[in-house]
Amino acid sequence: MQRKHNKNLVPKAITLRKNMTKEERRLWYDFLRAYPVRFLRQKVLGNYIVDFYCATAQLVIELDGSGHYTSDGERYDNERTIFLEEYGLTVVRIPNTEIHKNFKGVCEYIDGIVKQSLV
């Protein structure tokens, strides 16, 4: 991974941080922001902006809306996942519908992944 982030993406990351989706806001404000292991939101990694990033756990969390389930969206997500995994990061994709239907389960799932990575 590029050690320095792509400075050209910083303004877009700032905009995304200010305009999170309702699912991103829910996960951030109701769980990740106060989580004991630090997460960052809309983090620039190489030429990509990830929804949530935890350096300690080497974890990327992506919340996927309907645009991710098109052939172009899936192709882009695969390229991005391969790039991130090449640097030892675990990429977890969570459908937006799970935030609405099973928020507690999503939080427990993330907590389990983080705790497993720290072992």
C-alpha atoms as a PDB file:
ATOM      1  CA  MET A   1       0.000   0.000   0.000  1.00  0.00           C
ATOM      2  CA  GLN A   2       1.214   3.465  -0.648  1.00  0.00           C
ATOM      3  CA  ARG A   3       2.601   4.780   2.620  1.00  0.00           C
ATOM      4  CA  LYS A   4       1.187   8.217   1.976  1.00  0.00           C
ATOM      5  CA  HIS A   5      -2.411   8.535   1.071  1.00  0.00           C
ATOM      6  CA  ASN A   6      -3.494  10.014  -2.191  1.00  0.00           C
ATOM      7  CA  LYS A   7      -3.785  13.712  -1.330  1.00  0.00           C
ATOM      8  CA  ASN A   8      -6.162  14.189  -4.240  1.00  0.00           C
ATOM      9  CA  LEU A   9      -8.738  12.029  -2.448  1.00  0.00           C
ATOM     10  CA  VAL A  10      -8.659  13.920   0.857  1.00  0.00           C
ATOM     11  CA  PRO A  11     -11.311  16.524  -0.133  1.00  0.00           C
ATOM     12  CA  LYS A  12     -13.630  13.726  -1.270  1.00  0.00           C
ATOM     13  CA  ALA A  13     -13.022  11.799   1.984  1.00  0.00           C
ATOM     14  CA  ILE A  14     -13.864  14.921   3.991  1.00  0.00           C
ATOM     15  CA  THR A  15     -17.072  15.368   2.004  1.00  0.00           C
ATOM     16  CA  LEU A  16     -17.996  11.711   2.521  1.00  0.00           C
ATOM     17  CA  ARG A  17     -17.336  12.076   6.264  1.00  0.00           C
ATOM     18  CA  LYS A  18     -19.680  15.052   6.425  1.00  0.00           C
ATOM     19  CA  ASN A  19     -22.340  13.318   4.322  1.00  0.00           C
ATOM     20  CA  MET A  20     -22.372   9.752   5.606  1.00  0.00           C
ATOM     21  CA  THR A  21     -25.241   7.503   4.644  1.00  0.00           C
ATOM     22  CA  LYS A  22     -27.796   6.799   7.359  1.00  0.00           C
ATOM     23  CA  GLU A  23     -26.352   3.294   7.724  1.00  0.00           C
ATOM     24  CA  GLU A  24     -22.806   4.652   8.120  1.00  0.00           C
ATOM     25  CA  ARG A  25     -24.044   7.201  10.682  1.00  0.00           C
ATOM     26  CA  ARG A  26     -25.805   4.492  12.667  1.00  0.00           C
ATOM     27  CA  LEU A  27     -22.766   2.199  12.756  1.00  0.00           C
ATOM     28  CA  TRP A  28     -20.423   5.082  13.566  1.00  0.00           C
ATOM     29  CA  TYR A  29     -22.418   6.920  16.227  1.00  0.00           C
ATOM     30  CA  ASP A  30     -24.062   3.897  17.834  1.00  0.00           C
ATOM     31  CA  PHE A  31     -21.060   1.558  17.873  1.00  0.00           C
ATOM     32  CA  LEU A  32     -17.678   2.295  16.268  1.00  0.00           C
ATOM     33  CA  ARG A  33     -17.047   5.810  17.566  1.00  0.00           C
ATOM     34  CA  ALA A  34     -16.955   4.623  21.187  1.00  0.00           C
ATOM     35  CA  TYR A  35     -15.481   1.183  20.463  1.00  0.00           C
ATOM     36  CA  PRO A  36     -12.409   0.502  22.647  1.00  0.00           C
ATOM     37  CA  VAL A  37     -10.199  -0.121  19.593  1.00  0.00           C
ATOM     38  CA  ARG A  38      -9.908   2.976  17.422  1.00  0.00           C
ATOM     39  CA  PHE A  39     -11.705   3.124  14.081  1.00  0.00           C
ATOM     40  CA  LEU A  40     -11.442   5.877  11.490  1.00  0.00           C
ATOM     41  CA  ARG A  41     -14.174   6.728   9.006  1.00  0.00           C
ATOM     42  CA  GLN A  42     -13.765   7.503   5.327  1.00  0.00           C
ATOM     43  CA  LYS A  43     -10.047   6.708   5.440  1.00  0.00           C
ATOM     44  CA  VAL A  44      -7.882   7.150   2.354  1.00  0.00           C
ATOM     45  CA  LEU A  45      -5.831   3.992   1.716  1.00  0.00           C
ATOM     46  CA  GLY A  46      -3.779   4.167  -1.464  1.00  0.00           C
ATOM     47  CA  ASN A  47      -6.152   5.220  -4.229  1.00  0.00           C
ATOM     48  CA  TYR A  48      -9.289   4.222  -2.336  1.00  0.00           C
ATOM     49  CA  ILE A  49     -11.509   5.609   0.409  1.00  0.00           C
ATOM     50  CA  VAL A  50     -12.809   2.958   2.783  1.00  0.00           C
ATOM     51  CA  ASP A  51     -15.893   3.404   4.952  1.00  0.00           C
ATOM     52  CA  PHE A  52     -14.255   2.363   8.251  1.00  0.00           C
ATOM     53  CA  TYR A  53     -10.673   1.391   9.061  1.00  0.00           C
ATOM     54  CA  CYS A  54      -9.068  -0.058  12.167  1.00  0.00           C
ATOM     55  CA  ALA A  55      -5.260  -0.068  11.977  1.00  0.00           C
ATOM     56  CA  THR A  56      -4.863  -2.115  15.161  1.00  0.00           C
ATOM     57  CA  ALA A  57      -6.996  -4.956  13.808  1.00  0.00           C
ATOM     58  CA  GLN A  58      -5.909  -4.425  10.173  1.00  0.00           C
ATOM     59  CA  LEU A  59      -9.611  -4.302   9.337  1.00  0.00           C
ATOM     60  CA  VAL A  60     -11.667  -2.477   6.715  1.00  0.00           C
ATOM     61  CA  ILE A  61     -15.445  -2.409   7.031  1.00  0.00           C
ATOM     62  CA  GLU A  62     -17.492  -1.544   3.981  1.00  0.00           C
ATOM     63  CA  LEU A  63     -21.231  -0.962   4.084  1.00  0.00           C
ATOM     64  CA  ASP A  64     -22.782  -1.902   0.775  1.00  0.00           C
ATOM     65  CA  GLY A  65     -25.867  -0.275  -0.690  1.00  0.00           C
ATOM     66  CA  SER A  66     -27.602  -1.260  -3.899  1.00  0.00           C
ATOM     67  CA  GLY A  67     -24.902   0.240  -6.144  1.00  0.00           C
ATOM     68  CA  HIS A  68     -22.473  -2.425  -5.014  1.00  0.00           C
ATOM     69  CA  TYR A  69     -24.606  -5.217  -6.479  1.00  0.00           C
ATOM     70  CA  THR A  70     -24.295  -4.214 -10.124  1.00  0.00           C
ATOM     71  CA  SER A  71     -21.699  -5.888 -12.349  1.00  0.00           C
ATOM     72  CA  ASP A  72     -19.609  -2.674 -12.395  1.00  0.00           C
ATOM     73  CA  GLY A  73     -19.954  -2.258  -8.632  1.00  0.00           C
ATOM     74  CA  GLU A  74     -18.929  -5.845  -7.967  1.00  0.00           C
ATOM     75  CA  ARG A  75     -15.938  -5.559 -10.318  1.00  0.00           C
ATOM     76  CA  TYR A  76     -14.753  -2.361  -8.616  1.00  0.00           C
ATOM     77  CA  ASP A  77     -15.252  -3.863  -5.146  1.00  0.00           C
ATOM     78  CA  ASN A  78     -13.269  -6.963  -6.126  1.00  0.00           C
ATOM     79  CA  GLU A  79     -10.360  -4.874  -7.435  1.00  0.00           C
ATOM     80  CA  ARG A  80     -10.368  -2.794  -4.285  1.00  0.00           C
ATOM     81  CA  THR A  81     -10.572  -5.820  -1.990  1.00  0.00           C
ATOM     82  CA  ILE A  82      -7.650  -7.492  -3.769  1.00  0.00           C
ATOM     83  CA  PHE A  83      -5.583  -4.304  -3.415  1.00  0.00           C
ATOM     84  CA  LEU A  84      -6.339  -3.998   0.308  1.00  0.00           C
ATOM     85  CA  GLU A  85      -5.814  -7.690   1.047  1.00  0.00           C
ATOM     86  CA  GLU A  86      -2.378  -7.561  -0.607  1.00  0.00           C
ATOM     87  CA  TYR A  87      -1.358  -5.365   2.317  1.00  0.00           C
ATOM     88  CA  GLY A  88      -2.631  -7.723   4.973  1.00  0.00           C
ATOM     89  CA  LEU A  89      -5.953  -6.021   5.558  1.00  0.00           C
ATOM     90  CA  THR A  90      -9.158  -7.950   6.142  1.00  0.00           C
ATOM     91  CA  VAL A  91     -12.090  -6.501   4.218  1.00  0.00           C
ATOM     92  CA  VAL A  92     -15.567  -7.101   5.626  1.00  0.00           C
ATOM     93  CA  ARG A  93     -18.570  -6.202   3.498  1.00  0.00           C
ATOM     94  CA  ILE A  94     -21.885  -5.668   5.258  1.00  0.00           C
ATOM     95  CA  PRO A  95     -25.095  -5.028   3.315  1.00  0.00           C
ATOM     96  CA  ASN A  96     -26.973  -1.907   4.391  1.00  0.00           C
ATOM     97  CA  THR A  97     -30.046  -4.059   4.983  1.00  0.00           C
ATOM     98  CA  GLU A  98     -28.217  -5.822   7.833  1.00  0.00           C
ATOM     99  CA  ILE A  99     -27.742  -2.488   9.617  1.00  0.00           C
ATOM    100  CA  HIS A 100     -31.535  -2.077   9.578  1.00  0.00           C
ATOM    101  CA  LYS A 101     -32.570  -5.656  10.304  1.00  0.00           C
ATOM    102  CA  ASN A 102     -29.814  -6.952  12.569  1.00  0.00           C
ATOM    103  CA  PHE A 103     -27.804  -4.071  14.023  1.00  0.00           C
ATOM    104  CA  LYS A 104     -26.921  -5.907  17.222  1.00  0.00           C
ATOM    105  CA  GLY A 105     -25.735  -8.913  15.217  1.00  0.00           C
ATOM    106  CA  VAL A 106     -23.589  -6.681  12.989  1.00  0.00           C
ATOM    107  CA  CYS A 107     -21.960  -5.114  16.059  1.00  0.00           C
ATOM    108  CA  GLU A 108     -21.299  -8.535  17.606  1.00  0.00           C
ATOM    109  CA  TYR A 109     -19.832  -9.751  14.291  1.00  0.00           C
ATOM    110  CA  ILE A 110     -17.457  -6.770  14.059  1.00  0.00           C
ATOM    111  CA  ASP A 111     -16.511  -7.148  17.718  1.00  0.00           C
ATOM    112  CA  GLY A 112     -15.683 -10.823  17.148  1.00  0.00           C
ATOM    113  CA  ILE A 113     -13.486 -10.052  14.139  1.00  0.00           C
ATOM    114  CA  VAL A 114     -11.597  -7.340  16.020  1.00  0.00           C
ATOM    115  CA  LYS A 115     -11.064  -9.537  19.072  1.00  0.00           C
ATOM    116  CA  GLN A 116      -9.911 -12.461  16.896  1.00  0.00           C
ATOM    117  CA  SER A 117      -7.394 -10.234  15.115  1.00  0.00           C
ATOM    118  CA  LEU A 118      -5.887  -9.160  18.440  1.00  0.00           C
ATOM    119  CA  VAL A 119      -5.183 -12.740  19.590  1.00  0.00           C
END
